Amino acid sequence: DLKNGNFIDPWECSYSYKYPQSEHLNAAYLLYSNGPDMIFGTEDDIANW
């Protein structure tokens, strides 16, 4: 779904996107959702790295 031009995850929050990035060497960009608990850095996060 799109809301106001943002990509929305299944928990009705915007996905986060970061480019360029230098945090994870195996990814050109970072794309992630904070997951169902809506807190970044916890075990339920969904990410491309």
Foldseek 3Di string as FASTA:
>chain_A
DDDPRFDADPLRHGWDKAPCDDPDPVDRIKTKACADVRDPPDPRIDIDD
